[in-house]
PDB file of all heavy atoms in Angstrom:
ATOM      1  N   MET A   1      -0.399  -6.118   3.065  1.00  0.00           N
ATOM      2  CA  MET A   1      -1.741  -6.559   2.863  1.00  0.00           C
ATOM      3  C   MET A   1      -2.534  -5.294   2.258  1.00  0.00           C
ATOM      4  O   MET A   1      -3.420  -5.458   1.396  1.00  0.00           O
ATOM      5  CB  MET A   1      -2.384  -7.136   4.098  1.00  0.00           C
ATOM      6  CG  MET A   1      -1.866  -8.441   4.451  1.00  0.00           C
ATOM      7  SD  MET A   1      -2.544  -9.029   5.948  1.00  0.00           S
ATOM      8  CE  MET A   1      -4.302  -9.358   5.566  1.00  0.00           C
ATOM      9  N   ALA A   2      -2.232  -4.077   2.844  1.00  0.00           N
ATOM     10  CA  ALA A   2      -2.911  -2.975   2.342  1.00  0.00           C
ATOM     11  C   ALA A   2      -2.597  -2.683   0.777  1.00  0.00           C
ATOM     12  O   ALA A   2      -3.507  -2.237   0.011  1.00  0.00           O
ATOM     13  CB  ALA A   2      -2.555  -1.765   3.127  1.00  0.00           C
ATOM     14  N   ALA A   3      -1.422  -2.809   0.460  1.00  0.00           N
ATOM     15  CA  ALA A   3      -0.856  -2.626  -0.892  1.00  0.00           C
ATOM     16  C   ALA A   3      -1.572  -3.714  -1.703  1.00  0.00           C
ATOM     17  O   ALA A   3      -1.876  -3.408  -2.944  1.00  0.00           O
ATOM     18  CB  ALA A   3       0.613  -2.740  -0.947  1.00  0.00           C
ATOM     19  N   GLN A   4      -1.669  -4.964  -1.370  1.00  0.00           N
ATOM     20  CA  GLN A   4      -2.181  -6.007  -2.121  1.00  0.00           C
ATOM     21  C   GLN A   4      -3.692  -5.692  -2.448  1.00  0.00           C
ATOM     22  O   GLN A   4      -4.166  -5.952  -3.518  1.00  0.00           O
ATOM     23  CB  GLN A   4      -2.001  -7.353  -1.483  1.00  0.00           C
ATOM     24  CG  GLN A   4      -2.320  -8.538  -2.254  1.00  0.00           C
ATOM     25  CD  GLN A   4      -1.502  -8.795  -3.470  1.00  0.00           C
ATOM     26  OE1 GLN A   4      -0.212  -8.578  -3.370  1.00  0.00           O
ATOM     27  NE2 GLN A   4      -2.020  -9.070  -4.667  1.00  0.00           N
ATOM     28  N   ALA A   5      -4.335  -5.090  -1.447  1.00  0.00           N
ATOM     29  CA  ALA A   5      -5.807  -4.783  -1.673  1.00  0.00           C
ATOM     30  C   ALA A   5      -5.928  -3.783  -2.852  1.00  0.00           C
ATOM     31  O   ALA A   5      -6.887  -3.845  -3.565  1.00  0.00           O
ATOM     32  CB  ALA A   5      -6.296  -4.195  -0.394  1.00  0.00           C
ATOM     33  N   VAL A   6      -5.016  -2.822  -2.940  1.00  0.00           N
ATOM     34  CA  VAL A   6      -5.035  -1.813  -4.065  1.00  0.00           C
ATOM     35  C   VAL A   6      -4.705  -2.607  -5.348  1.00  0.00           C
ATOM     36  O   VAL A   6      -5.427  -2.387  -6.371  1.00  0.00           O
ATOM     37  CB  VAL A   6      -4.034  -0.732  -3.776  1.00  0.00           C
ATOM     38  CG1 VAL A   6      -3.930   0.195  -4.995  1.00  0.00           C
ATOM     39  CG2 VAL A   6      -4.355   0.015  -2.544  1.00  0.00           C
ATOM     40  N   LYS A   7      -3.709  -3.467  -5.312  1.00  0.00           N
ATOM     41  CA  LYS A   7      -3.370  -4.281  -6.535  1.00  0.00           C
ATOM     42  C   LYS A   7      -4.601  -5.043  -7.070  1.00  0.00           C
ATOM     43  O   LYS A   7      -4.786  -5.079  -8.221  1.00  0.00           O
ATOM     44  CB  LYS A   7      -2.184  -5.116  -6.337  1.00  0.00           C
ATOM     45  CG  LYS A   7      -1.795  -5.884  -7.526  1.00  0.00           C
ATOM     46  CD  LYS A   7      -0.476  -6.747  -7.328  1.00  0.00           C
ATOM     47  CE  LYS A   7      -0.096  -7.475  -8.522  1.00  0.00           C
ATOM     48  NZ  LYS A   7       1.098  -8.378  -8.289  1.00  0.00           N
ATOM     49  N   ASP A   8      -5.286  -5.676  -6.090  1.00  0.00           N
ATOM     50  CA  ASP A   8      -6.328  -6.550  -6.406  1.00  0.00           C
ATOM     51  C   ASP A   8      -7.691  -5.811  -6.712  1.00  0.00           C
ATOM     52  O   ASP A   8      -8.736  -6.414  -6.911  1.00  0.00           O
ATOM     53  CB  ASP A   8      -6.681  -7.453  -5.242  1.00  0.00           C
ATOM     54  CG  ASP A   8      -5.450  -8.442  -5.041  1.00  0.00           C
ATOM     55  OD1 ASP A   8      -4.640  -8.631  -5.914  1.00  0.00           O
ATOM     56  OD2 ASP A   8      -5.348  -9.155  -3.952  1.00  0.00           O
ATOM     57  N   GLY A   9      -7.699  -4.468  -6.611  1.00  0.00           N
ATOM     58  CA  GLY A   9      -8.882  -3.701  -7.080  1.00  0.00           C
ATOM     59  C   GLY A   9      -9.820  -3.504  -5.774  1.00  0.00           C
ATOM     60  O   GLY A   9     -10.941  -3.145  -5.989  1.00  0.00           O
ATOM     61  N   GLU A  10      -9.445  -3.960  -4.650  1.00  0.00           N
ATOM     62  CA  GLU A  10     -10.343  -3.934  -3.452  1.00  0.00           C
ATOM     63  C   GLU A  10     -10.230  -2.598  -2.790  1.00  0.00           C
ATOM     64  O   GLU A  10     -11.148  -2.150  -2.023  1.00  0.00           O
ATOM     65  CB  GLU A  10      -9.989  -5.040  -2.400  1.00  0.00           C
ATOM     66  CG  GLU A  10     -10.100  -6.414  -3.038  1.00  0.00           C
ATOM     67  CD  GLU A  10      -9.504  -7.428  -2.026  1.00  0.00           C
ATOM     68  OE1 GLU A  10      -8.907  -7.024  -1.037  1.00  0.00           O
ATOM     69  OE2 GLU A  10      -9.649  -8.679  -2.396  1.00  0.00           O
ATOM     70  N   ALA A  11      -9.249  -1.789  -3.116  1.00  0.00           N
ATOM     71  CA  ALA A  11      -9.095  -0.420  -2.656  1.00  0.00           C
ATOM     72  C   ALA A  11      -8.524   0.487  -3.685  1.00  0.00           C
ATOM     73  O   ALA A  11      -7.872   0.049  -4.645  1.00  0.00           O
ATOM     74  CB  ALA A  11      -8.181  -0.388  -1.383  1.00  0.00           C
ATOM     75  N   ASP A  12      -8.788   1.855  -3.578  1.00  0.00           N
ATOM     76  CA  ASP A  12      -8.354   2.791  -4.634  1.00  0.00           C
ATOM     77  C   ASP A  12      -7.093   3.435  -4.327  1.00  0.00           C
ATOM     78  O   ASP A  12      -6.423   4.047  -5.208  1.00  0.00           O
ATOM     79  CB  ASP A  12      -9.430   3.786  -4.776  1.00  0.00           C
ATOM     80  CG  ASP A  12     -10.783   3.267  -5.136  1.00  0.00           C
ATOM     81  OD1 ASP A  12     -10.836   2.527  -6.153  1.00  0.00           O
ATOM     82  OD2 ASP A  12     -11.745   3.501  -4.355  1.00  0.00           O
ATOM     83  N   ALA A  13      -6.593   3.346  -3.027  1.00  0.00           N
ATOM     84  CA  ALA A  13      -5.305   4.111  -2.631  1.00  0.00           C
ATOM     85  C   ALA A  13      -4.825   3.457  -1.281  1.00  0.00           C
ATOM     86  O   ALA A  13      -5.545   2.770  -0.687  1.00  0.00           O
ATOM     87  CB  ALA A  13      -5.702   5.575  -2.401  1.00  0.00           C
ATOM     88  N   ILE A  14      -3.607   3.698  -0.981  1.00  0.00           N
ATOM     89  CA  ILE A  14      -2.932   3.142   0.147  1.00  0.00           C
ATOM     90  C   ILE A  14      -2.337   4.359   0.921  1.00  0.00           C
ATOM     91  O   ILE A  14      -1.690   5.207   0.426  1.00  0.00           O
ATOM     92  CB  ILE A  14      -1.886   2.083  -0.097  1.00  0.00           C
ATOM     93  CG1 ILE A  14      -1.197   1.625   1.220  1.00  0.00           C
ATOM     94  CG2 ILE A  14      -0.887   2.512  -1.211  1.00  0.00           C
ATOM     95  CD1 ILE A  14      -0.314   0.376   1.020  1.00  0.00           C
ATOM     96  N   PHE A  15      -2.448   4.194   2.290  1.00  0.00           N
ATOM     97  CA  PHE A  15      -1.872   5.231   3.246  1.00  0.00           C
ATOM     98  C   PHE A  15      -1.046   4.507   4.352  1.00  0.00           C
ATOM     99  O   PHE A  15      -1.451   3.431   4.792  1.00  0.00           O
ATOM    100  CB  PHE A  15      -2.958   5.988   3.899  1.00  0.00           C
ATOM    101  CG  PHE A  15      -2.515   6.710   5.118  1.00  0.00           C
ATOM    102  CD1 PHE A  15      -1.942   7.980   5.093  1.00  0.00           C
ATOM    103  CD2 PHE A  15      -2.721   6.133   6.406  1.00  0.00           C
ATOM    104  CE1 PHE A  15      -1.444   8.611   6.241  1.00  0.00           C
ATOM    105  CE2 PHE A  15      -2.135   6.788   7.588  1.00  0.00           C
ATOM    106  CZ  PHE A  15      -1.661   8.003   7.466  1.00  0.00           C
ATOM    107  N   SER A  16       0.089   5.090   4.715  1.00  0.00           N
ATOM    108  CA  SER A  16       0.876   4.599   5.841  1.00  0.00           C
ATOM    109  C   SER A  16       1.671   5.747   6.451  1.00  0.00           C
ATOM    110  O   SER A  16       2.013   6.719   5.815  1.00  0.00           O
ATOM    111  CB  SER A  16       1.840   3.505   5.303  1.00  0.00           C
ATOM    112  OG  SER A  16       2.724   3.049   6.408  1.00  0.00           O
ATOM    113  N   ALA A  17       1.967   5.544   7.723  1.00  0.00           N
ATOM    114  CA  ALA A  17       2.832   6.518   8.452  1.00  0.00           C
ATOM    115  C   ALA A  17       4.142   5.785   8.819  1.00  0.00           C
ATOM    116  O   ALA A  17       4.887   6.313   9.648  1.00  0.00           O
ATOM    117  CB  ALA A  17       2.114   7.106   9.614  1.00  0.00           C
ATOM    118  N   GLY A  18       4.311   4.608   8.219  1.00  0.00           N
ATOM    119  CA  GLY A  18       5.413   3.826   8.685  1.00  0.00           C
ATOM    120  C   GLY A  18       6.601   3.969   7.927  1.00  0.00           C
ATOM    121  O   GLY A  18       6.971   5.036   7.410  1.00  0.00           O
ATOM    122  N   ASN A  19       7.370   2.805   7.686  1.00  0.00           N
ATOM    123  CA  ASN A  19       8.687   2.785   6.983  1.00  0.00           C
ATOM    124  C   ASN A  19       8.551   3.292   5.579  1.00  0.00           C
ATOM    125  O   ASN A  19       7.899   2.775   4.720  1.00  0.00           O
ATOM    126  CB  ASN A  19       9.099   1.321   6.985  1.00  0.00           C
ATOM    127  CG  ASN A  19      10.462   1.110   6.395  1.00  0.00           C
ATOM    128  OD1 ASN A  19      10.817   1.615   5.422  1.00  0.00           O
ATOM    129  ND2 ASN A  19      11.290   0.339   7.114  1.00  0.00           N
ATOM    130  N   THR A  20       9.199   4.529   5.397  1.00  0.00           N
ATOM    131  CA  THR A  20       9.045   5.154   4.056  1.00  0.00           C
ATOM    132  C   THR A  20       9.576   4.238   2.850  1.00  0.00           C
ATOM    133  O   THR A  20       8.989   4.157   1.812  1.00  0.00           O
ATOM    134  CB  THR A  20       9.868   6.445   4.030  1.00  0.00           C
ATOM    135  OG1 THR A  20       9.424   7.322   5.135  1.00  0.00           O
ATOM    136  CG2 THR A  20       9.672   7.190   2.710  1.00  0.00           C
ATOM    137  N   GLY A  21      10.745   3.660   3.111  1.00  0.00           N
ATOM    138  CA  GLY A  21      11.288   2.819   2.077  1.00  0.00           C
ATOM    139  C   GLY A  21      10.465   1.591   1.673  1.00  0.00           C
ATOM    140  O   GLY A  21      10.331   1.272   0.508  1.00  0.00           O
ATOM    141  N   ALA A  22       9.826   1.116   2.781  1.00  0.00           N
ATOM    142  CA  ALA A  22       8.867  -0.106   2.489  1.00  0.00           C
ATOM    143  C   ALA A  22       7.753   0.349   1.714  1.00  0.00           C
ATOM    144  O   ALA A  22       7.167  -0.391   0.808  1.00  0.00           O
ATOM    145  CB  ALA A  22       8.490  -0.699   3.853  1.00  0.00           C
ATOM    146  N   LEU A  23       7.192   1.546   2.002  1.00  0.00           N
ATOM    147  CA  LEU A  23       5.969   2.032   1.225  1.00  0.00           C
ATOM    148  C   LEU A  23       6.401   2.325  -0.171  1.00  0.00           C
ATOM    149  O   LEU A  23       5.607   1.998  -0.992  1.00  0.00           O
ATOM    150  CB  LEU A  23       5.423   3.279   1.919  1.00  0.00           C
ATOM    151  CG  LEU A  23       4.035   3.892   1.295  1.00  0.00           C
ATOM    152  CD1 LEU A  23       2.991   2.945   1.402  1.00  0.00           C
ATOM    153  CD2 LEU A  23       3.771   5.270   1.889  1.00  0.00           C
ATOM    154  N   LEU A  24       7.482   2.890  -0.345  1.00  0.00           N
ATOM    155  CA  LEU A  24       8.046   3.144  -1.698  1.00  0.00           C
ATOM    156  C   LEU A  24       8.069   1.692  -2.525  1.00  0.00           C
ATOM    157  O   LEU A  24       7.724   1.646  -3.614  1.00  0.00           O
ATOM    158  CB  LEU A  24       9.391   3.747  -1.776  1.00  0.00           C
ATOM    159  CG  LEU A  24       9.483   5.288  -1.456  1.00  0.00           C
ATOM    160  CD1 LEU A  24      10.877   5.703  -1.203  1.00  0.00           C
ATOM    161  CD2 LEU A  24       8.897   5.993  -2.749  1.00  0.00           C
ATOM    162  N   ALA A  25       8.616   0.709  -1.766  1.00  0.00           N
ATOM    163  CA  ALA A  25       8.867  -0.622  -2.390  1.00  0.00           C
ATOM    164  C   ALA A  25       7.506  -1.214  -2.840  1.00  0.00           C
ATOM    165  O   ALA A  25       7.339  -1.722  -3.895  1.00  0.00           O
ATOM    166  CB  ALA A  25       9.556  -1.507  -1.435  1.00  0.00           C
ATOM    167  N   VAL A  26       6.448  -1.170  -1.869  1.00  0.00           N
ATOM    168  CA  VAL A  26       5.122  -1.773  -2.173  1.00  0.00           C
ATOM    169  C   VAL A  26       4.406  -0.833  -3.326  1.00  0.00           C
ATOM    170  O   VAL A  26       3.755  -1.394  -4.214  1.00  0.00           O
ATOM    171  CB  VAL A  26       4.220  -2.016  -1.001  1.00  0.00           C
ATOM    172  CG1 VAL A  26       4.908  -2.954  -0.122  1.00  0.00           C
ATOM    173  CG2 VAL A  26       3.960  -0.721  -0.360  1.00  0.00           C
TER     174      VAL A  26
END
């Protein structure tokens, strides 16, 4: 959902401390 917010222009950047591979994927 955080990544989708960036894609939709609702946010300028995304941050996570979670799954590295999943963050790369999104």
